[in-house]
Amino acid sequence: MAEDNSGAQDFSYRLSTQDATFIYAESQSGPLHIGSIGVFENRVDFNSLIAHLEERIHLVPRYRQRLAEVPFNLAHAMMEDDPKFAVANHCYRHELSQGTTEQEALAQIMSEFQVPLDRKRPLWELHSYENMPGGNTALMWKVHHCLVDGVSGVELLKVMYDFRAEPEPVPPPQKPWQPSRPSSLMRRLAEAMRDQMRGAVDNAVRTFVEAAEEPTNVIDRMRTLGEATRVMTQLATRRIMPAPWNGVPVTQDRALAWSKQSFADFRAIRSAFGGSVNDVVLAMLTEGAARYLDHHGYKVAGQQLCVGCPVNVRHKEEQKSLGNRVSMMFPTAPAEPIDMVERLKTINEATERIKAAGSAQALESLLTLGDNFPPALMGMSSRIATGALDAAGAFAKMMRWVPRPGGFALPAAGINFIATNVPGVQVPQYLNGHLCLDMIPLVPLGATLGYGVAILSYNRYLYFGMMAEPRVMPDVDLMKRYVDEAFAELKHRCEEQLGESVAETYSSYARAGG
């Protein structure tokens, strides 16, 4: 991932269609940045933190770049060097009051996380919170989704953090950084027209040659697009549980609860009952949601929950690339509480069907068709849609609308929540010699998705960041409690079946070379 942008070479680039989608879909009530909260041991000196970042920023040159929009949106925006860039302009220090509880600290962190990033500057921020419980320091990253997805976000942290308390010095850039000259509006307009014409010609030539020389590829592509169309049609028409957090468009307010569980426990459960680690994750999340809905009096019998699960579709040579390379799968599960082992089996059957059909790969092919969609039309339609969502969310907040069983809600279609599971590092990380104790992932919300979960592995644990819009889910801590209980029950069933503790089972499994 790291690049050395030390000279005067031009590293500007145009956003891909998938990256640009996160610019078009963003609204005031649905800011589309992702992030994490790293809790570091003791007090991290703020000035030393800035110096640390300044030593490494040349390794991620796009973090010195800002959006350069094209007139009339004839093409997707460019990313160009910000001539006024300074690391200190993106770092913010917060000193919490002595005795601040973790819940109070999270509320303060969310008050900053929920604010959209300034598009006139490089699209990232780092907030430092001193005086966390235990005298620790929390570092909260905000990075726009147009720059990174979950996988490339982890790659960023690998560059900015260390794997040893006393690492080797980072080699400095060969030359001091000099920002490239900003492009003019006329240049951006001319280059956009050129790129659009070049792309249309290239697509026409490629289609003609492929149809003449490799007709089987055309047939395979049509079959793949047919599967993608089937998945999207099913998603749009499938009836799902009308959950309270899907009732109306969300506002900008955010609340967070988090949990962590031993990664060894997940592997032992997978060994005992089959499926994947992600199947176990989805089982505990959907059971937690089912119990939450049942607790609040919603009619869950016979209903289904649908979860949107991002899938990394990077090829081997792309593993360290930034930007977005994701598709989606949409497994379903009962919306009523059921036996945890039965739920895990149900989830595993659903994900295996999706994998066998190649639905995620098919959707990736469908996304590439967006390259042929006029950016001007994408921009205009998105402004209309996001404006309507902001207005609807503001109106609901002004009317003090809160969801209740049997009350008003939008028709239930699509998905109930996002659950994005990102593989992280399984060893400790450090910053200026300070150990990272916990790493909490943060996921964006928007439109009618008032609840979402990011899952990140770090240092032999899985971390769950449960994000909610407090008007539609005022008790996200209750959701966390049900999710934790569901996992505890699954772990207990695993121990009963294996006749020993989960940790002992996994230790034996690891010693055997599994």
Protein backbone atom coordinates (compact mmCIF):
# COMPACT_ATOMS: atom_id res chain seq x y z
CA MET A 1 0.00 0.00 0.00
CA ALA A 2 2.79 2.43 0.88
CA GLU A 3 4.06 4.76 -1.81
CA ASP A 4 6.77 7.38 -1.66
CA ASN A 5 5.42 10.64 -3.04
CA SER A 6 8.56 12.60 -2.23
CA GLY A 7 9.29 14.37 -5.50
CA ALA A 8 7.27 16.55 -7.80
CA GLN A 9 5.71 13.60 -9.62
CA ASP A 10 1.96 13.98 -10.23
CA PHE A 11 0.04 11.37 -8.22
CA SER A 12 -3.42 12.74 -9.02
CA TYR A 13 -6.03 10.19 -10.04
CA ARG A 14 -9.72 9.96 -10.84
CA LEU A 15 -12.05 8.17 -8.43
CA SER A 16 -13.38 4.85 -9.64
CA THR A 17 -17.14 4.51 -10.01
CA GLN A 18 -17.36 2.48 -6.81
CA ASP A 19 -15.27 4.99 -4.87
CA ALA A 20 -17.26 7.93 -6.29
CA THR A 21 -20.52 6.28 -5.23
CA PHE A 22 -19.64 7.06 -1.61
CA ILE A 23 -19.37 10.75 -2.53
CA TYR A 24 -22.68 10.75 -4.37
CA ALA A 25 -24.55 8.81 -1.68
CA GLU A 26 -23.33 10.92 1.25
CA SER A 27 -25.70 13.32 2.99
CA GLN A 28 -25.61 15.47 6.12
CA SER A 29 -27.59 12.82 8.01
CA GLY A 30 -25.62 9.95 6.47
CA PRO A 31 -21.91 10.85 6.39
CA LEU A 32 -19.99 8.06 4.70
CA HIS A 33 -16.72 7.84 6.54
CA ILE A 34 -15.49 4.75 8.32
CA GLY A 35 -13.03 4.58 11.18
CA SER A 36 -11.81 2.99 14.38
CA ILE A 37 -11.12 3.77 18.01
CA GLY A 38 -7.78 2.54 19.27
CA VAL A 39 -7.44 2.59 23.06
CA PHE A 40 -3.75 3.02 23.93
CA GLU A 41 -2.06 2.40 27.23
CA ASN A 42 -1.39 5.52 29.33
CA ARG A 43 -1.18 9.05 27.96
CA VAL A 44 -0.10 9.50 24.34
CA ASP A 45 1.65 12.86 24.00
CA PHE A 46 -0.20 14.87 21.37
CA ASN A 47 2.84 16.67 19.94
CA SER A 48 4.69 13.37 19.64
CA LEU A 49 1.63 11.91 17.91
CA ILE A 50 1.71 14.62 15.25
CA ALA A 51 5.46 14.16 14.76
CA HIS A 52 4.88 10.40 14.38
CA LEU A 53 2.32 10.97 11.63
CA GLU A 54 4.48 13.55 9.88
CA GLU A 55 7.28 10.99 9.64
CA ARG A 56 4.98 8.51 7.84
CA ILE A 57 2.53 10.55 5.80
CA HIS A 58 4.73 10.23 2.69
CA LEU A 59 3.93 6.49 2.73
CA VAL A 60 0.25 7.23 2.01
CA PRO A 61 0.31 10.13 -0.47
CA ARG A 62 -3.43 10.12 -1.10
CA TYR A 63 -3.90 11.35 2.48
CA ARG A 64 -2.39 14.65 1.32
CA GLN A 65 -4.94 14.92 -1.50
CA ARG A 66 -8.33 16.60 -1.71
CA LEU A 67 -11.32 16.28 -4.00
CA ALA A 68 -11.23 18.25 -7.25
CA GLU A 69 -14.70 18.11 -8.75
CA VAL A 70 -15.31 18.29 -12.49
CA PRO A 71 -17.57 21.03 -13.91
CA PHE A 72 -21.10 19.75 -14.59
CA ASN A 73 -19.93 16.43 -13.09
CA LEU A 74 -19.02 15.18 -16.59
CA ALA A 75 -16.68 12.67 -14.90
CA HIS A 76 -15.99 11.48 -11.39
CA ALA A 77 -13.95 13.80 -9.20
CA MET A 78 -10.15 13.83 -9.23
CA MET A 79 -7.93 13.51 -6.16
CA GLU A 80 -5.17 16.14 -6.26
CA ASP A 81 -2.50 17.37 -3.86
CA ASP A 82 -3.71 19.91 -1.32
CA PRO A 83 -1.21 22.79 -1.51
CA LYS A 84 -2.11 23.83 2.07
CA PHE A 85 -1.79 20.33 3.54
CA ALA A 86 -0.40 19.97 7.06
CA VAL A 87 -0.79 16.95 9.33
CA ALA A 88 -1.59 19.22 12.28
CA ASN A 89 -4.69 20.50 10.46
CA HIS A 90 -6.20 17.02 10.62
CA CYS A 91 -5.39 16.13 14.24
CA TYR A 92 -7.53 17.26 17.18
CA ARG A 93 -6.80 17.01 20.89
CA HIS A 94 -9.58 16.42 23.44
CA GLU A 95 -8.96 16.30 27.19
CA LEU A 96 -11.71 14.46 29.00
CA SER A 97 -12.67 15.51 32.50
CA GLN A 98 -11.21 13.49 35.33
CA GLY A 99 -13.59 10.68 36.29
CA THR A 100 -15.22 10.48 32.86
CA THR A 101 -16.82 7.06 32.44
CA GLU A 102 -16.39 4.94 29.34
CA GLN A 103 -20.01 5.55 28.34
CA GLU A 104 -19.53 9.32 28.66
CA ALA A 105 -16.28 9.13 26.69
CA LEU A 106 -17.95 7.17 23.89
CA ALA A 107 -20.72 9.78 23.73
CA GLN A 108 -18.11 12.53 23.26
CA ILE A 109 -16.28 10.51 20.62
CA MET A 110 -19.52 9.93 18.72
CA SER A 111 -20.30 13.66 18.80
CA GLU A 112 -17.20 14.12 16.64
CA PHE A 113 -17.54 10.97 14.55
CA GLN A 114 -21.05 11.87 13.38
CA VAL A 115 -19.92 15.15 11.75
CA PRO A 116 -19.25 14.93 7.98
CA LEU A 117 -15.68 15.50 6.79
CA ASP A 118 -14.81 18.79 5.10
CA ARG A 119 -14.60 18.09 1.35
CA LYS A 120 -12.34 21.10 0.81
CA ARG A 121 -9.51 19.27 2.58
CA PRO A 122 -8.04 15.74 2.48
CA LEU A 123 -10.81 13.45 3.70
CA TRP A 124 -9.51 12.20 7.03
CA GLU A 125 -9.20 13.26 10.66
CA LEU A 126 -7.58 11.87 13.80
CA HIS A 127 -9.00 12.78 17.23
CA SER A 128 -7.06 12.13 20.43
CA TYR A 129 -8.96 11.70 23.72
CA GLU A 130 -6.83 11.89 26.86
CA ASN A 131 -7.93 10.88 30.38
CA MET A 132 -9.88 7.84 29.25
CA PRO A 133 -10.76 5.44 32.10
CA GLY A 134 -7.54 3.99 33.52
CA GLY A 135 -5.54 7.00 32.35
CA ASN A 136 -5.44 5.70 28.78
CA THR A 137 -5.73 7.54 25.45
CA ALA A 138 -8.23 6.85 22.67
CA LEU A 139 -7.38 7.66 19.05
CA MET A 140 -10.40 7.93 16.77
CA TRP A 141 -9.82 7.84 13.01
CA LYS A 142 -12.31 9.21 10.47
CA VAL A 143 -11.50 8.30 6.86
CA HIS A 144 -13.91 8.80 3.98
CA HIS A 145 -15.20 5.63 2.37
CA CYS A 146 -14.22 6.96 -1.07
CA LEU A 147 -10.57 6.49 -0.02
CA VAL A 148 -10.69 3.13 1.74
CA ASP A 149 -12.88 0.17 2.53
CA GLY A 150 -12.44 -1.95 5.66
CA VAL A 151 -9.55 -3.98 4.28
CA SER A 152 -7.56 -1.00 3.02
CA GLY A 153 -8.37 0.83 6.25
CA VAL A 154 -6.52 -1.92 8.12
CA GLU A 155 -3.60 -1.46 5.73
CA LEU A 156 -3.52 2.22 6.71
CA LEU A 157 -3.23 1.30 10.40
CA LYS A 158 -0.39 -1.08 9.59
CA VAL A 159 1.52 1.90 8.22
CA MET A 160 0.65 4.36 10.97
CA TYR A 161 1.08 1.96 13.91
CA ASP A 162 4.00 -0.33 14.79
CA PHE A 163 4.35 -4.02 15.58
CA ARG A 164 7.02 -3.42 18.22
CA ALA A 165 7.27 -0.98 21.11
CA GLU A 166 10.65 0.15 19.78
CA PRO A 167 10.49 -0.12 15.98
CA GLU A 168 13.17 0.62 13.43
CA PRO A 169 13.16 4.26 12.21
CA VAL A 170 11.01 4.91 9.13
CA PRO A 171 13.22 5.92 6.18
CA PRO A 172 12.52 9.57 5.29
CA PRO A 173 11.45 10.58 1.77
CA GLN A 174 14.27 11.10 -0.69
CA LYS A 175 13.16 14.69 -1.31
CA PRO A 176 10.92 17.12 0.58
CA TRP A 177 7.34 16.92 -0.60
CA GLN A 178 6.24 19.54 -3.08
CA PRO A 179 2.51 19.51 -3.92
CA SER A 180 1.60 19.24 -7.57
CA ARG A 181 0.13 22.32 -9.14
CA PRO A 182 -3.68 22.41 -8.75
CA SER A 183 -5.57 21.84 -11.98
CA SER A 184 -7.79 24.53 -13.43
CA LEU A 185 -11.51 24.09 -14.04
CA MET A 186 -10.88 24.13 -17.81
CA ARG A 187 -8.25 21.42 -17.53
CA ARG A 188 -10.56 19.22 -15.46
CA LEU A 189 -13.37 19.78 -17.94
CA ALA A 190 -11.17 18.97 -20.94
CA GLU A 191 -9.70 15.86 -19.30
CA ALA A 192 -13.17 14.68 -18.30
CA MET A 193 -14.41 14.96 -21.89
CA ARG A 194 -11.31 13.15 -23.12
CA ASP A 195 -11.67 10.33 -20.58
CA GLN A 196 -15.37 9.88 -21.32
CA MET A 197 -14.76 9.62 -25.08
CA ARG A 198 -11.77 7.34 -24.60
CA GLY A 199 -13.74 5.08 -22.29
CA ALA A 200 -16.65 4.82 -24.71
CA VAL A 201 -14.32 3.90 -27.60
CA ASP A 202 -12.38 1.39 -25.50
CA ASN A 203 -15.58 -0.32 -24.35
CA ALA A 204 -16.92 -0.52 -27.91
CA VAL A 205 -13.68 -1.99 -29.27
CA ARG A 206 -13.37 -4.45 -26.38
CA THR A 207 -16.95 -5.63 -26.80
CA PHE A 208 -16.57 -6.09 -30.56
CA VAL A 209 -13.28 -7.99 -30.29
CA GLU A 210 -14.52 -10.22 -27.50
CA ALA A 211 -17.74 -11.05 -29.35
CA ALA A 212 -15.71 -12.04 -32.44
CA GLU A 213 -12.84 -13.90 -30.79
CA GLU A 214 -14.16 -15.16 -27.43
CA PRO A 215 -17.95 -15.57 -27.67
CA THR A 216 -18.00 -17.95 -24.69
CA ASN A 217 -16.80 -15.10 -22.47
CA VAL A 218 -19.75 -13.01 -23.60
CA ILE A 219 -22.13 -15.86 -22.78
CA ASP A 220 -20.54 -16.31 -19.33
CA ARG A 221 -20.82 -12.60 -18.66
CA MET A 222 -24.49 -12.57 -19.62
CA ARG A 223 -25.09 -15.53 -17.32
CA THR A 224 -23.29 -13.72 -14.48
CA LEU A 225 -25.30 -10.55 -15.03
CA GLY A 226 -28.46 -12.62 -15.03
CA GLU A 227 -27.57 -13.98 -11.59
CA ALA A 228 -26.81 -10.47 -10.35
CA THR A 229 -30.16 -9.23 -11.66
CA ARG A 230 -31.91 -12.10 -9.89
CA VAL A 231 -30.20 -11.24 -6.59
CA MET A 232 -31.08 -7.55 -6.83
CA THR A 233 -34.68 -8.29 -7.83
CA GLN A 234 -35.02 -10.67 -4.89
CA LEU A 235 -33.53 -8.05 -2.57
CA ALA A 236 -35.97 -5.38 -3.75
CA THR A 237 -39.06 -7.61 -3.52
CA ARG A 238 -38.27 -9.80 -0.51
CA ARG A 239 -40.39 -9.06 2.55
CA ILE A 240 -38.26 -8.62 5.66
CA MET A 241 -38.84 -7.79 9.29
CA PRO A 242 -40.05 -4.16 9.67
CA ALA A 243 -37.47 -3.32 12.35
CA PRO A 244 -37.76 -0.02 14.24
CA TRP A 245 -34.29 1.10 13.10
CA ASN A 246 -35.48 0.84 9.46
CA GLY A 247 -38.67 2.85 9.98
CA VAL A 248 -37.68 6.28 8.63
CA PRO A 249 -34.51 8.00 7.37
CA VAL A 250 -31.94 8.56 10.10
CA THR A 251 -30.57 11.81 11.47
CA GLN A 252 -26.90 12.61 12.06
CA ASP A 253 -26.91 11.51 15.72
CA ARG A 254 -24.91 8.38 16.60
CA ALA A 255 -24.50 6.09 19.61
CA LEU A 256 -22.02 3.23 20.04
CA ALA A 257 -21.72 0.06 22.05
CA TRP A 258 -18.85 -2.39 21.67
CA SER A 259 -17.90 -5.87 22.65
CA LYS A 260 -14.96 -8.21 22.26
CA GLN A 261 -14.72 -12.00 22.28
CA SER A 262 -11.81 -14.41 22.06
CA PHE A 263 -11.03 -15.42 18.48
CA ALA A 264 -10.14 -18.87 19.76
CA ASP A 265 -13.74 -19.32 20.91
CA PHE A 266 -15.04 -18.64 17.41
CA ARG A 267 -12.68 -21.19 15.89
CA ALA A 268 -13.68 -23.81 18.44
CA ILE A 269 -17.38 -23.22 17.77
CA ARG A 270 -16.73 -23.48 14.05
CA SER A 271 -14.92 -26.77 14.62
CA ALA A 272 -17.78 -28.11 16.75
CA PHE A 273 -20.75 -27.12 14.59
CA GLY A 274 -19.36 -26.36 11.14
CA GLY A 275 -19.62 -23.21 9.10
CA SER A 276 -17.19 -20.31 9.10
CA VAL A 277 -16.14 -17.73 11.68
CA ASN A 278 -18.32 -15.22 9.83
CA ASP A 279 -21.29 -17.61 10.10
CA VAL A 280 -20.82 -17.61 13.88
CA VAL A 281 -20.69 -13.80 13.81
CA LEU A 282 -23.93 -13.58 11.81
CA ALA A 283 -25.62 -16.11 14.09
CA MET A 284 -24.93 -14.08 17.22
CA LEU A 285 -25.87 -10.77 15.55
CA THR A 286 -29.17 -12.01 14.11
CA GLU A 287 -30.13 -13.78 17.34
CA GLY A 288 -29.31 -10.62 19.28
CA ALA A 289 -31.51 -8.61 16.91
CA ALA A 290 -34.32 -11.18 17.23
CA ARG A 291 -34.25 -11.00 21.02
CA TYR A 292 -34.12 -7.20 20.92
CA LEU A 293 -37.22 -7.06 18.69
CA ASP A 294 -39.05 -9.63 20.80
CA HIS A 295 -38.20 -7.71 23.99
CA HIS A 296 -39.74 -4.54 22.55
CA GLY A 297 -42.95 -6.29 21.57
CA TYR A 298 -42.56 -6.53 17.79
CA LYS A 299 -44.33 -9.36 15.96
CA VAL A 300 -41.40 -11.53 14.90
CA ALA A 301 -43.08 -14.88 14.25
CA GLY A 302 -42.56 -15.99 10.66
CA GLN A 303 -40.52 -12.88 9.82
CA GLN A 304 -37.04 -12.82 8.30
CA LEU A 305 -34.01 -10.60 8.94
CA CYS A 306 -31.78 -9.79 5.97
CA VAL A 307 -28.18 -8.76 6.57
CA GLY A 308 -25.95 -6.95 4.09
CA CYS A 309 -22.44 -8.43 4.27
CA PRO A 310 -19.65 -6.72 2.30
CA VAL A 311 -17.33 -9.20 0.57
CA ASN A 312 -13.72 -8.41 -0.30
CA VAL A 313 -13.20 -9.16 -4.01
CA ARG A 314 -9.58 -8.07 -4.31
CA HIS A 315 -7.31 -10.29 -6.35
CA LYS A 316 -4.03 -11.43 -4.82
CA GLU A 317 -2.04 -8.62 -6.39
CA GLU A 318 -4.56 -6.05 -5.06
CA GLN A 319 -4.49 -7.04 -1.39
CA LYS A 320 -2.58 -3.93 -0.29
CA SER A 321 -4.28 -1.47 -2.62
CA LEU A 322 -6.38 1.36 -1.25
CA GLY A 323 -9.85 2.27 -2.50
CA ASN A 324 -12.93 0.05 -2.55
CA ARG A 325 -12.97 -3.49 -3.94
CA VAL A 326 -16.08 -4.97 -2.38
CA SER A 327 -19.23 -6.77 -3.36
CA MET A 328 -22.11 -7.89 -1.14
CA MET A 329 -24.04 -10.94 -0.06
CA PHE A 330 -27.45 -10.90 1.60
CA PRO A 331 -28.12 -13.89 3.89
CA THR A 332 -31.41 -14.17 5.75
CA ALA A 333 -32.27 -15.63 9.14
CA PRO A 334 -35.38 -15.92 11.33
CA ALA A 335 -36.42 -12.72 13.11
CA GLU A 336 -37.73 -14.66 16.11
CA PRO A 337 -35.49 -16.10 18.83
CA ILE A 338 -34.52 -19.72 18.16
CA ASP A 339 -31.99 -22.28 19.36
CA MET A 340 -28.47 -20.96 18.75
CA VAL A 341 -27.10 -24.12 17.14
CA GLU A 342 -30.11 -24.25 14.84
CA ARG A 343 -29.57 -20.59 13.96
CA LEU A 344 -25.92 -21.21 13.13
CA LYS A 345 -26.89 -24.08 10.85
CA THR A 346 -29.52 -21.90 9.16
CA ILE A 347 -26.97 -19.13 8.58
CA ASN A 348 -24.41 -21.59 7.24
CA GLU A 349 -26.92 -23.06 4.78
CA ALA A 350 -27.83 -19.55 3.57
CA THR A 351 -24.22 -18.44 3.06
CA GLU A 352 -23.28 -21.72 1.34
CA ARG A 353 -26.16 -21.28 -1.13
CA ILE A 354 -24.99 -17.75 -1.86
CA LYS A 355 -21.39 -18.90 -2.38
CA ALA A 356 -22.46 -21.78 -4.62
CA ALA A 357 -24.48 -19.43 -6.81
CA GLY A 358 -21.56 -17.03 -7.08
CA SER A 359 -23.84 -14.15 -6.16
CA ALA A 360 -21.15 -11.89 -4.72
CA GLN A 361 -19.01 -12.26 -7.85
CA ALA A 362 -22.08 -11.67 -9.99
CA LEU A 363 -22.86 -8.44 -8.15
CA GLU A 364 -19.27 -7.32 -8.67
CA SER A 365 -19.83 -7.69 -12.43
CA LEU A 366 -23.05 -5.71 -12.14
CA LEU A 367 -21.18 -2.92 -10.34
CA THR A 368 -18.75 -2.62 -13.25
CA LEU A 369 -21.69 -1.64 -15.46
CA GLY A 370 -21.81 1.57 -13.43
CA ASP A 371 -18.71 2.66 -15.36
CA ASN A 372 -21.02 3.19 -18.34
CA PHE A 373 -23.52 5.28 -16.37
CA PRO A 374 -23.13 9.04 -16.96
CA PRO A 375 -21.55 10.66 -13.89
CA ALA A 376 -23.66 13.80 -14.47
CA LEU A 377 -26.83 11.75 -14.10
CA MET A 378 -25.43 9.91 -11.07
CA GLY A 379 -24.61 13.20 -9.38
CA MET A 380 -27.98 14.80 -10.11
CA SER A 381 -30.06 11.81 -9.02
CA SER A 382 -28.01 11.39 -5.85
CA ARG A 383 -28.48 15.04 -4.88
CA ILE A 384 -32.24 14.64 -5.19
CA ALA A 385 -32.25 11.41 -3.18
CA THR A 386 -29.93 12.55 -0.40
CA GLY A 387 -31.76 15.87 -0.10
CA ALA A 388 -35.05 14.03 0.36
CA LEU A 389 -33.50 11.71 2.97
CA ASP A 390 -32.09 14.63 4.95
CA ALA A 391 -35.45 16.42 4.88
CA ALA A 392 -37.36 13.31 5.96
CA GLY A 393 -34.95 12.61 8.83
CA ALA A 394 -35.09 16.24 10.00
CA PHE A 395 -38.90 16.23 9.85
CA ALA A 396 -39.11 13.00 11.88
CA LYS A 397 -36.75 14.46 14.48
CA MET A 398 -38.70 17.73 14.64
CA MET A 399 -41.94 15.79 15.16
CA ARG A 400 -40.19 13.73 17.85
CA TRP A 401 -41.18 10.57 16.06
CA VAL A 402 -40.00 7.37 17.69
CA PRO A 403 -40.73 3.85 16.45
CA ARG A 404 -43.14 1.58 18.29
CA PRO A 405 -44.77 -1.78 17.57
CA GLY A 406 -47.70 -1.31 15.23
CA GLY A 407 -46.78 2.32 14.53
CA PHE A 408 -45.90 3.98 11.23
CA ALA A 409 -42.93 2.59 9.34
CA LEU A 410 -41.72 2.56 5.76
CA PRO A 411 -42.33 -0.64 3.76
CA ALA A 412 -39.78 -3.26 4.78
CA ALA A 413 -37.57 -4.23 1.85
CA GLY A 414 -33.87 -4.61 1.20
CA ILE A 415 -31.75 -5.23 4.29
CA ASN A 416 -32.16 -4.70 8.01
CA PHE A 417 -28.54 -3.86 8.85
CA ILE A 418 -24.97 -4.05 7.61
CA ALA A 419 -22.48 -6.46 9.23
CA THR A 420 -19.00 -5.92 7.82
CA ASN A 421 -16.33 -8.34 9.05
CA VAL A 422 -12.77 -7.13 8.40
CA PRO A 423 -9.67 -9.26 9.06
CA GLY A 424 -7.17 -7.31 11.13
CA VAL A 425 -3.81 -8.11 12.68
CA GLN A 426 -3.52 -10.89 15.23
CA VAL A 427 -0.57 -9.40 17.14
CA PRO A 428 -0.26 -6.30 19.33
CA GLN A 429 0.29 -2.88 17.76
CA TYR A 430 1.97 0.16 19.26
CA LEU A 431 2.20 3.91 18.74
CA ASN A 432 5.24 5.74 20.12
CA GLY A 433 5.79 2.78 22.43
CA HIS A 434 2.21 2.75 23.76
CA LEU A 435 0.43 -0.60 23.50
CA CYS A 436 -2.93 -0.64 21.74
CA LEU A 437 -5.22 -2.36 24.25
CA ASP A 438 -8.41 -2.43 22.16
CA MET A 439 -9.39 -1.66 18.57
CA ILE A 440 -13.06 -0.79 18.03
CA PRO A 441 -14.28 -0.56 14.41
CA LEU A 442 -16.79 2.09 13.33
CA VAL A 443 -19.32 1.75 10.52
CA PRO A 444 -21.37 4.51 8.84
CA LEU A 445 -25.16 4.70 8.86
CA GLY A 446 -27.49 6.38 6.42
CA ALA A 447 -30.84 6.35 4.60
CA THR A 448 -33.12 3.98 6.55
CA LEU A 449 -30.29 1.96 8.10
CA GLY A 450 -30.28 3.12 11.72
CA TYR A 451 -28.17 0.21 13.01
CA GLY A 452 -25.00 -1.40 11.71
CA VAL A 453 -22.12 -3.50 13.00
CA ALA A 454 -18.45 -3.48 12.12
CA ILE A 455 -16.38 -6.50 13.18
CA LEU A 456 -12.59 -6.37 13.36
CA SER A 457 -10.05 -8.95 14.50
CA TYR A 458 -7.15 -7.65 16.57
CA ASN A 459 -4.61 -9.38 18.80
CA ARG A 460 -6.52 -12.68 19.11
CA TYR A 461 -9.93 -11.06 19.71
CA LEU A 462 -12.91 -10.13 17.58
CA TYR A 463 -14.20 -6.62 18.24
CA PHE A 464 -17.80 -5.60 17.55
CA GLY A 465 -18.63 -1.93 17.02
CA MET A 466 -22.43 -1.57 17.15
CA MET A 467 -23.46 1.79 15.74
CA ALA A 468 -27.02 3.13 16.12
CA GLU A 469 -29.06 6.25 15.56
CA PRO A 470 -30.34 6.82 19.11
CA ARG A 471 -33.81 8.02 18.06
CA VAL A 472 -34.60 4.68 16.40
CA MET A 473 -32.46 2.58 18.77
CA PRO A 474 -32.15 4.43 22.08
CA ASP A 475 -30.80 1.36 23.85
CA VAL A 476 -27.95 0.01 21.73
CA ASP A 477 -26.42 -1.31 24.97
CA LEU A 478 -29.41 -3.64 25.23
CA MET A 479 -28.69 -4.92 21.72
CA LYS A 480 -25.08 -5.53 22.78
CA ARG A 481 -26.26 -7.48 25.83
CA TYR A 482 -28.43 -9.77 23.70
CA VAL A 483 -25.62 -10.31 21.19
CA ASP A 484 -23.21 -11.21 24.00
CA GLU A 485 -25.77 -13.56 25.54
CA ALA A 486 -26.32 -15.30 22.21
CA PHE A 487 -22.60 -15.89 21.82
CA ALA A 488 -22.26 -17.11 25.42
CA GLU A 489 -25.00 -19.67 24.80
CA LEU A 490 -23.34 -20.88 21.62
CA LYS A 491 -20.03 -21.17 23.45
CA HIS A 492 -21.71 -23.12 26.27
CA ARG A 493 -23.29 -25.53 23.77
CA CYS A 494 -19.89 -26.00 22.21
CA GLU A 495 -18.36 -26.87 25.59
CA GLU A 496 -21.18 -29.33 26.30
CA GLN A 497 -20.64 -31.08 23.00
CA LEU A 498 -16.87 -31.24 23.27
CA GLY A 499 -16.75 -32.00 26.97
CA GLU A 500 -14.10 -29.40 27.76
CA SER A 501 -13.65 -25.66 27.68
CA VAL A 502 -13.62 -23.93 24.34
CA ALA A 503 -10.20 -22.47 25.01
CA GLU A 504 -8.75 -25.91 25.81
CA THR A 505 -10.33 -27.32 22.67
CA TYR A 506 -8.80 -24.67 20.48
CA SER A 507 -5.41 -25.00 22.16
CA SER A 508 -5.42 -28.72 21.40
CA TYR A 509 -6.55 -27.99 17.86
CA ALA A 510 -3.74 -25.44 17.38
CA ARG A 511 -1.09 -27.77 18.80
CA ALA A 512 -2.23 -30.40 16.31
CA GLY A 513 -1.49 -27.99 13.49
CA GLY A 514 -5.10 -27.02 12.68
